Each structure stands twice: as structure tokens, then as C-alpha cells.
Protein backbone atom coordinates (compact mmCIF):
# COMPACT_ATOMS: atom_id res chain seq x y z
CA MET A 1 -35.94 -35.65 -101.46
CA ASP A 2 -33.71 -38.00 -103.48
CA VAL A 3 -32.09 -37.03 -106.77
CA LEU A 4 -32.59 -39.87 -109.26
CA GLN A 5 -31.03 -38.47 -112.42
CA VAL A 6 -29.02 -35.49 -113.70
CA THR A 7 -29.92 -34.25 -117.19
CA TRP A 8 -28.04 -31.67 -119.27
CA GLN A 9 -30.02 -29.93 -122.02
CA LYS A 10 -29.42 -27.52 -124.90
CA ARG A 11 -32.02 -24.96 -126.02
CA ASN A 12 -33.14 -25.69 -129.56
CA GLY A 13 -35.46 -22.85 -130.63
CA SER A 14 -38.25 -22.72 -128.03
CA ALA A 15 -37.68 -26.29 -126.78
CA PHE A 16 -34.85 -28.11 -125.03
CA GLN A 17 -33.12 -31.30 -126.17
CA ASN A 18 -31.30 -33.70 -123.87
CA ILE A 19 -27.57 -33.88 -124.57
CA ALA A 20 -26.36 -35.96 -121.61
CA THR A 21 -27.77 -37.81 -118.60
CA TYR A 22 -26.42 -39.59 -115.55
CA SER A 23 -28.20 -41.91 -113.12
CA PRO A 24 -26.97 -44.74 -110.94
CA ASN A 25 -29.40 -47.17 -112.63
CA HIS A 26 -28.54 -46.31 -116.26
CA GLY A 27 -25.07 -44.82 -115.93
CA LEU A 28 -23.71 -42.07 -118.15
CA ARG A 29 -25.45 -41.44 -121.46
CA LEU A 30 -24.23 -38.97 -124.12
CA ILE A 31 -26.80 -38.29 -126.83
CA GLY A 32 -26.35 -37.78 -130.59
CA SER A 33 -23.55 -35.53 -131.78
CA PHE A 34 -22.76 -34.68 -128.15
CA GLN A 35 -21.11 -38.10 -127.69
CA LYS A 36 -17.93 -36.45 -129.04
CA LYS A 37 -18.53 -33.01 -127.54
CA VAL A 38 -19.47 -33.54 -123.86
CA HIS A 39 -17.06 -34.52 -121.11
CA PHE A 40 -18.31 -34.83 -117.52
CA THR A 41 -15.84 -33.12 -115.17
CA ARG A 42 -18.01 -33.89 -112.08
CA ILE A 43 -20.59 -36.63 -112.06
CA THR A 44 -22.60 -37.18 -108.91
CA LEU A 45 -26.29 -36.85 -108.19
CA LYS A 46 -25.71 -33.72 -106.09
CA ASP A 47 -22.95 -32.05 -108.12
CA SER A 48 -22.62 -32.19 -111.90
CA ALA A 49 -20.38 -30.30 -114.32
CA ILE A 50 -19.60 -30.75 -117.99
CA THR A 51 -17.04 -29.41 -120.42
CA LEU A 52 -18.01 -28.91 -124.06
CA GLN A 53 -15.34 -29.44 -126.72
CA ASN A 54 -15.02 -29.64 -130.52
CA LEU A 55 -17.81 -27.09 -130.89
CA SER A 56 -19.21 -25.46 -134.00
CA PHE A 57 -21.42 -22.39 -134.54
CA GLU A 58 -24.49 -24.65 -134.34
CA ASP A 59 -23.61 -25.44 -130.74
CA GLU A 60 -24.00 -21.82 -129.63
CA SER A 61 -27.01 -21.87 -127.30
CA TYR A 62 -28.28 -21.78 -123.74
CA TYR A 63 -27.50 -24.93 -121.74
CA ARG A 64 -29.09 -26.04 -118.47
CA CYS A 65 -28.74 -28.77 -115.88
CA ILE A 66 -31.83 -30.43 -114.38
CA PHE A 67 -31.83 -32.54 -111.22
CA ASN A 68 -34.69 -35.02 -111.42
CA VAL A 69 -35.92 -35.72 -107.89
CA PHE A 70 -38.39 -38.06 -106.27
CA PRO A 71 -41.25 -37.50 -105.60
CA HIS A 72 -41.39 -34.07 -107.25
CA GLY A 73 -39.89 -34.56 -110.75
CA SER A 74 -37.33 -32.17 -112.20
CA PHE A 75 -36.57 -28.70 -110.84
CA THR A 76 -35.65 -25.82 -113.17
CA ILE A 77 -35.53 -22.07 -112.70
CA SER A 78 -34.73 -19.17 -115.03
CA GLU A 79 -33.05 -15.89 -114.23
CA LEU A 80 -35.04 -13.39 -112.22
CA THR A 81 -35.99 -10.32 -114.28
CA VAL A 82 -37.28 -6.93 -113.15
CA GLU A 83 -38.84 -4.49 -115.60
CA TYR A 84 -40.21 -1.07 -114.71
CA ASP A 85 -42.09 1.77 -116.31
CA SER A 86 -43.65 5.12 -115.41
CA HIS A 87 -47.31 5.95 -116.02
CA LEU A 88 -47.07 9.02 -118.23
CA PRO A 89 -48.18 11.76 -117.80
CA THR A 90 -48.26 10.96 -114.06
CA GLU A 91 -44.51 10.44 -113.60
CA ASP A 92 -44.95 9.87 -109.86
CA LEU A 93 -46.84 6.61 -110.47
CA LEU A 94 -44.57 3.66 -111.37
CA THR A 95 -44.95 -0.03 -112.15
CA ALA A 96 -42.36 -2.75 -111.53
CA VAL A 97 -42.76 -6.34 -112.75
CA CYS A 98 -40.63 -9.13 -111.33
CA SER A 99 -40.78 -12.47 -113.14
CA ALA A 100 -39.18 -15.90 -113.51
CA THR A 101 -39.98 -19.25 -115.07
CA GLY A 102 -39.55 -22.55 -113.25
CA LYS A 103 -40.68 -26.01 -112.37
CA PRO A 104 -42.24 -26.07 -109.87
CA ALA A 105 -43.65 -22.55 -110.08
CA PRO A 106 -41.40 -20.02 -108.34
CA LYS A 107 -42.75 -17.86 -105.53
CA ILE A 108 -42.09 -14.17 -106.20
CA THR A 109 -42.64 -11.47 -103.61
CA TRP A 110 -41.72 -7.81 -103.11
CA LEU A 111 -39.89 -7.30 -99.82
CA ASP A 112 -40.76 -3.60 -99.36
CA ASP A 113 -44.49 -3.20 -100.01
CA ARG A 114 -45.27 -0.30 -97.64
CA ASP A 115 -47.05 2.77 -98.98
CA LEU A 116 -48.35 0.99 -102.07
CA LEU A 117 -51.31 2.34 -104.02
CA GLU A 118 -52.61 -1.18 -104.64
CA SER A 119 -51.73 -4.75 -103.76
CA PRO A 120 -49.29 -6.60 -106.00
CA GLU A 121 -50.89 -8.48 -108.91
CA ILE A 122 -49.52 -11.99 -109.45
CA ARG A 123 -49.98 -13.90 -112.74
CA HIS A 124 -49.19 -17.56 -113.39
CA VAL A 125 -48.80 -18.80 -116.97
CA GLN A 126 -48.54 -22.57 -117.60
CA ASN A 127 -46.03 -23.21 -120.42
CA PRO A 128 -46.24 -26.22 -122.81
CA ASN A 129 -42.93 -27.63 -121.47
CA GLY A 130 -44.34 -28.01 -117.95
CA THR A 131 -42.75 -24.88 -116.47
CA VAL A 132 -44.71 -21.97 -115.02
CA THR A 133 -43.94 -18.29 -115.61
CA VAL A 134 -44.79 -16.17 -112.56
CA ALA A 135 -44.99 -12.36 -112.82
CA ASN A 136 -45.56 -10.12 -109.80
CA ARG A 137 -46.67 -6.60 -110.86
CA LEU A 138 -46.47 -3.75 -108.40
CA THR A 139 -47.78 -0.17 -108.83
CA PHE A 140 -46.47 2.41 -106.41
CA SER A 141 -45.90 6.12 -105.83
CA ALA A 142 -42.32 7.22 -106.36
CA SER A 143 -42.68 9.88 -103.70
CA HIS A 144 -42.98 7.22 -100.98
CA ILE A 145 -40.49 4.53 -102.00
CA ARG A 146 -36.74 4.83 -102.78
CA ALA A 147 -35.96 1.11 -103.30
CA LEU A 148 -37.80 -2.14 -103.89
CA THR A 149 -36.43 -5.67 -103.65
CA CYS A 150 -37.87 -8.65 -105.50
CA LEU A 151 -37.35 -12.10 -103.93
CA LEU A 152 -37.64 -15.41 -105.75
CA ASP A 153 -38.07 -18.57 -103.64
CA HIS A 154 -37.67 -21.95 -105.34
CA PRO A 155 -36.44 -25.43 -104.35
CA GLN A 156 -33.26 -24.65 -106.31
CA GLY A 157 -32.56 -21.59 -104.18
CA ARG A 158 -33.33 -17.91 -103.55
CA LYS A 159 -32.56 -14.98 -105.81
CA MET A 160 -33.01 -11.26 -105.21
CA LYS A 161 -32.99 -8.16 -107.41
CA ALA A 162 -33.40 -4.56 -106.27
CA VAL A 163 -34.86 -1.53 -108.06
CA TYR A 164 -33.73 1.93 -106.96
CA LEU A 165 -35.40 5.28 -107.62
CA GLU A 166 -33.37 8.41 -108.13
CA LYS A 167 -34.54 11.94 -108.87
CA GLU A 168 -32.53 13.57 -111.67
CA ARG A 169 -31.64 17.28 -111.84
CA GLU A 170 -34.45 17.96 -114.30
CA GLY A 171 -36.93 16.59 -111.74
CA ARG A 172 -37.53 13.35 -113.68
CA LEU A 173 -37.36 9.99 -111.94
CA ARG A 174 -34.82 7.41 -113.00
CA LEU A 175 -35.18 3.71 -112.10
CA TYR A 176 -32.24 1.37 -112.13
CA GLY A 177 -31.62 -2.13 -110.83
CA ASP A 178 -28.90 -4.45 -109.65
CA VAL A 179 -28.31 -8.17 -109.81
């Protein structure tokens, strides 16, 4: 896989706008008002870093770096999130949902899926910007499992998050996670 271009983007509402690009064929390109705000501190096709300067409140946002590769196009991946909930009034039955958005679609699995009441349910949602949101929903009995780990596999790397179950003094279950 060959990286052809590095693109830096700023989130603008629900879309992203390019603020800077680098490629061997077209060189360094700073776009719009970012010509005076972006400084590349590292500029290679495998390692890119920028410094933002002379910023205003309008520049507060989420920024991302995309490596455009051949033959697959650009790769992006969001943070891995885990949400959980109990099925009241049956407090012993719990649901955990692990999700992420990426291009290409991330693969999300639960590492500890023993003693499950049902198989995990995986949903793929195609987003207008070409990314795919993947959510892996798992329903399980709290009496059989003390910890679950969600694994994200993507060309940009692997990420893991764990969910732990703890019984409180009042007999209620408490779920908490780590990064």
C-alpha cells in the first residue's frame, strides 16, 4: 500500500473541510485562511504533524489527518465508544454497544462472548461522507460475566475498551469502562 497524499481537515458542522495537503506530485498546499495559521512541523507521507497558530474562536473544532493510499483511498477512524444499559426491571440482563466510524468500515468484536444470552448484533450505517458507522450490540447476563472487552480492527490500527461489572452494597449492578 502506497500513501499518495496527506490531508489535514477541520470539522465544519457535520462536514469536514480541507485545510492543508501534501503530496510529492503537488507539494504543500495550505487552503484559505489556514495559509497563515498552519505550519507543518513534520511533512512526509508516513508521518505528518502540524502546528496551528494565530487562532480565533472560529478555529475551535475537531481536526483530523487522512492518509490517502493506493489502491484503497483514504483511511479514517473515530474514537471507539462503549455504551451500556440495564434492562429494567430485570437488572441482571444488560446490553453493551461498542461503536466506531471509519473508512473503510471498522471491524468491531467482543473478546469475551462466553455465556451470552444471544449472539452479538452488528449494524452497519453508510454515512453521506463515505464513512461507515459500525455498532456491535451485546446482551448478556450480569451473573455470568464480570468484564467485557471491545476490540476495533482497522487499517489505521487496533483499539480496545473494557467494560467492568461491579455489584454495589445495595445489590445493584454498576457498569464502568476504561480507555
